[in-house]
Amino acid sequence: MPTITFITPDGEKVVVENAIGTLMETATEHEVDGIEAACGGVCACATCHVKVDPAWVKKLPEMQDDEKDMLELEDDADEVRSRLSCQVEITDDLDGLIVEVHPLR
């Protein structure tokens, strides 16, 4: 089972072993600070915005249009690293993934 590291807006590292579901589900289950998940994971907000460690960007599944559209509304989204954690399903291939939690406004 994959291990995922979340870096919160205040710099705390939250390491989750045996992560399952989406990044958002894992973050909320483990009370990762900064992941609000207001829409419950239906890609209708950006309160689960994360920035993926550069080494992992190309290892994630391709972003769908609805996720791209939502991130375009974010002022400081990173064109390469930003993802909505509700749209990233955790697989064994993501073991060791590191993401930075975007600070909520």
C-alpha atoms as a PDB file:
ATOM      1  CA  MET A   1       0.000   0.000   0.000  1.00  0.00           C
ATOM      2  CA  PRO A   2       1.293   3.468  -0.879  1.00  0.00           C
ATOM      3  CA  THR A   3       2.759   6.016   1.498  1.00  0.00           C
ATOM      4  CA  ILE A   4       1.815   9.636   0.764  1.00  0.00           C
ATOM      5  CA  THR A   5       3.405  12.732   2.323  1.00  0.00           C
ATOM      6  CA  PHE A   6       1.345  15.902   2.651  1.00  0.00           C
ATOM      7  CA  ILE A   7       3.171  19.137   3.472  1.00  0.00           C
ATOM      8  CA  THR A   8       0.724  21.507   5.146  1.00  0.00           C
ATOM      9  CA  PRO A   9       0.741  25.287   4.600  1.00  0.00           C
ATOM     10  CA  ASP A  10       2.658  25.725   7.888  1.00  0.00           C
ATOM     11  CA  GLY A  11       5.333  23.248   6.785  1.00  0.00           C
ATOM     12  CA  GLU A  12       4.237  20.236   8.844  1.00  0.00           C
ATOM     13  CA  LYS A  13       4.767  16.871   7.143  1.00  0.00           C
ATOM     14  CA  VAL A  14       1.908  14.421   7.488  1.00  0.00           C
ATOM     15  CA  VAL A  15       2.936  10.957   6.339  1.00  0.00           C
ATOM     16  CA  VAL A  16       0.101   8.548   5.629  1.00  0.00           C
ATOM     17  CA  GLU A  17       0.949   4.894   5.205  1.00  0.00           C
ATOM     18  CA  ASN A  18      -1.382   2.449   3.470  1.00  0.00           C
ATOM     19  CA  ALA A  19      -3.216   5.292   1.734  1.00  0.00           C
ATOM     20  CA  ILE A  20      -6.327   4.393  -0.259  1.00  0.00           C
ATOM     21  CA  GLY A  21      -8.974   6.279  -2.237  1.00  0.00           C
ATOM     22  CA  THR A  22      -8.195   9.728  -3.577  1.00  0.00           C
ATOM     23  CA  LEU A  23      -5.626  12.129  -2.172  1.00  0.00           C
ATOM     24  CA  MET A  24      -8.513  14.238  -0.835  1.00  0.00           C
ATOM     25  CA  GLU A  25     -10.175  11.294   0.908  1.00  0.00           C
ATOM     26  CA  THR A  26      -6.886  10.302   2.506  1.00  0.00           C
ATOM     27  CA  ALA A  27      -6.162  13.879   3.586  1.00  0.00           C
ATOM     28  CA  THR A  28      -9.576  14.394   5.154  1.00  0.00           C
ATOM     29  CA  GLU A  29      -9.514  10.998   6.858  1.00  0.00           C
ATOM     30  CA  HIS A  30      -6.188  11.915   8.449  1.00  0.00           C
ATOM     31  CA  GLU A  31      -7.212  15.512   9.179  1.00  0.00           C
ATOM     32  CA  VAL A  32      -4.490  17.089   7.049  1.00  0.00           C
ATOM     33  CA  ASP A  33      -4.585  20.826   7.730  1.00  0.00           C
ATOM     34  CA  GLY A  34      -5.578  22.883   4.695  1.00  0.00           C
ATOM     35  CA  ILE A  35      -7.695  20.313   2.847  1.00  0.00           C
ATOM     36  CA  GLU A  36     -11.259  21.554   3.265  1.00  0.00           C
ATOM     37  CA  ALA A  37     -12.923  19.479   0.520  1.00  0.00           C
ATOM     38  CA  ALA A  38     -16.026  21.696   0.551  1.00  0.00           C
ATOM     39  CA  CYS A  39     -17.663  20.022  -2.449  1.00  0.00           C
ATOM     40  CA  GLY A  40     -17.039  16.512  -1.168  1.00  0.00           C
ATOM     41  CA  GLY A  41     -14.848  15.501  -4.062  1.00  0.00           C
ATOM     42  CA  VAL A  42     -16.975  16.258  -7.109  1.00  0.00           C
ATOM     43  CA  CYS A  43     -14.530  18.722  -8.696  1.00  0.00           C
ATOM     44  CA  ALA A  44     -16.767  21.729  -8.017  1.00  0.00           C
ATOM     45  CA  CYS A  45     -14.361  23.794  -5.902  1.00  0.00           C
ATOM     46  CA  ALA A  46     -10.646  24.091  -5.319  1.00  0.00           C
ATOM     47  CA  THR A  47     -10.527  23.637  -1.540  1.00  0.00           C
ATOM     48  CA  CYS A  48      -8.489  20.466  -1.989  1.00  0.00           C
ATOM     49  CA  HIS A  49      -5.840  22.126  -4.196  1.00  0.00           C
ATOM     50  CA  VAL A  50      -2.349  20.659  -3.853  1.00  0.00           C
ATOM     51  CA  LYS A  51       0.941  21.194  -5.624  1.00  0.00           C
ATOM     52  CA  VAL A  52       2.706  18.003  -6.600  1.00  0.00           C
ATOM     53  CA  ASP A  53       6.409  17.572  -5.947  1.00  0.00           C
ATOM     54  CA  PRO A  54       8.153  18.147  -9.314  1.00  0.00           C
ATOM     55  CA  ALA A  55       9.600  14.619  -9.354  1.00  0.00           C
ATOM     56  CA  TRP A  56       6.060  13.200  -9.337  1.00  0.00           C
ATOM     57  CA  VAL A  57       4.249  15.426 -11.841  1.00  0.00           C
ATOM     58  CA  LYS A  58       4.625  13.106 -14.836  1.00  0.00           C
ATOM     59  CA  LYS A  59       3.757  10.012 -12.784  1.00  0.00           C
ATOM     60  CA  LEU A  60       0.200  11.183 -12.083  1.00  0.00           C
ATOM     61  CA  PRO A  61      -2.699  10.396 -14.396  1.00  0.00           C
ATOM     62  CA  GLU A  62      -3.504  13.060 -16.951  1.00  0.00           C
ATOM     63  CA  MET A  63      -5.738  15.874 -15.776  1.00  0.00           C
ATOM     64  CA  GLN A  64      -9.295  15.926 -17.171  1.00  0.00           C
ATOM     65  CA  ASP A  65     -10.910  19.079 -18.581  1.00  0.00           C
ATOM     66  CA  ASP A  66     -13.177  19.742 -15.569  1.00  0.00           C
ATOM     67  CA  GLU A  67     -10.168  19.763 -13.240  1.00  0.00           C
ATOM     68  CA  LYS A  68      -8.256  22.068 -15.605  1.00  0.00           C
ATOM     69  CA  ASP A  69     -11.232  24.421 -15.750  1.00  0.00           C
ATOM     70  CA  MET A  70     -11.519  24.592 -11.958  1.00  0.00           C
ATOM     71  CA  LEU A  71      -7.791  25.248 -11.516  1.00  0.00           C
ATOM     72  CA  GLU A  72      -7.935  28.061 -14.088  1.00  0.00           C
ATOM     73  CA  LEU A  73     -10.082  29.952 -11.576  1.00  0.00           C
ATOM     74  CA  GLU A  74      -7.306  29.804  -8.961  1.00  0.00           C
ATOM     75  CA  ASP A  75      -5.108  32.917  -8.936  1.00  0.00           C
ATOM     76  CA  ASP A  76      -1.940  31.126  -7.937  1.00  0.00           C
ATOM     77  CA  ALA A  77      -2.372  27.732  -9.538  1.00  0.00           C
ATOM     78  CA  ASP A  78       0.806  26.316 -10.968  1.00  0.00           C
ATOM     79  CA  GLU A  79       0.269  25.220 -14.568  1.00  0.00           C
ATOM     80  CA  VAL A  80       2.497  22.171 -14.076  1.00  0.00           C
ATOM     81  CA  ARG A  81       2.255  21.201 -10.397  1.00  0.00           C
ATOM     82  CA  SER A  82      -1.300  22.083  -9.309  1.00  0.00           C
ATOM     83  CA  ARG A  83      -3.914  19.351  -8.970  1.00  0.00           C
ATOM     84  CA  LEU A  84      -7.215  18.926  -7.200  1.00  0.00           C
ATOM     85  CA  SER A  85      -6.594  16.146  -4.711  1.00  0.00           C
ATOM     86  CA  CYS A  86     -10.147  14.835  -5.200  1.00  0.00           C
ATOM     87  CA  GLN A  87      -9.217  13.925  -8.767  1.00  0.00           C
ATOM     88  CA  VAL A  88      -6.067  11.911  -7.997  1.00  0.00           C
ATOM     89  CA  GLU A  89      -6.799   8.277  -7.244  1.00  0.00           C
ATOM     90  CA  ILE A  90      -4.068   6.655  -5.158  1.00  0.00           C
ATOM     91  CA  THR A  91      -2.463   3.617  -6.763  1.00  0.00           C
ATOM     92  CA  ASP A  92       0.561   1.538  -5.869  1.00  0.00           C
ATOM     93  CA  ASP A  93       2.487   3.510  -8.513  1.00  0.00           C
ATOM     94  CA  LEU A  94       2.161   6.604  -6.294  1.00  0.00           C
ATOM     95  CA  ASP A  95       4.018   5.088  -3.335  1.00  0.00           C
ATOM     96  CA  GLY A  96       6.212   7.890  -1.980  1.00  0.00           C
ATOM     97  CA  LEU A  97       4.225  10.754  -3.537  1.00  0.00           C
ATOM     98  CA  ILE A  98       4.785  14.167  -1.941  1.00  0.00           C
ATOM     99  CA  VAL A  99       2.256  17.000  -2.266  1.00  0.00           C
ATOM    100  CA  GLU A 100       2.142  20.494  -0.812  1.00  0.00           C
ATOM    101  CA  VAL A 101      -1.272  21.565   0.474  1.00  0.00           C
ATOM    102  CA  HIS A 102      -2.339  24.878  -1.004  1.00  0.00           C
ATOM    103  CA  PRO A 103      -3.187  27.430   1.703  1.00  0.00           C
ATOM    104  CA  LEU A 104      -6.882  28.235   1.969  1.00  0.00           C
ATOM    105  CA  ARG A 105      -7.913  31.852   1.536  1.00  0.00           C
END
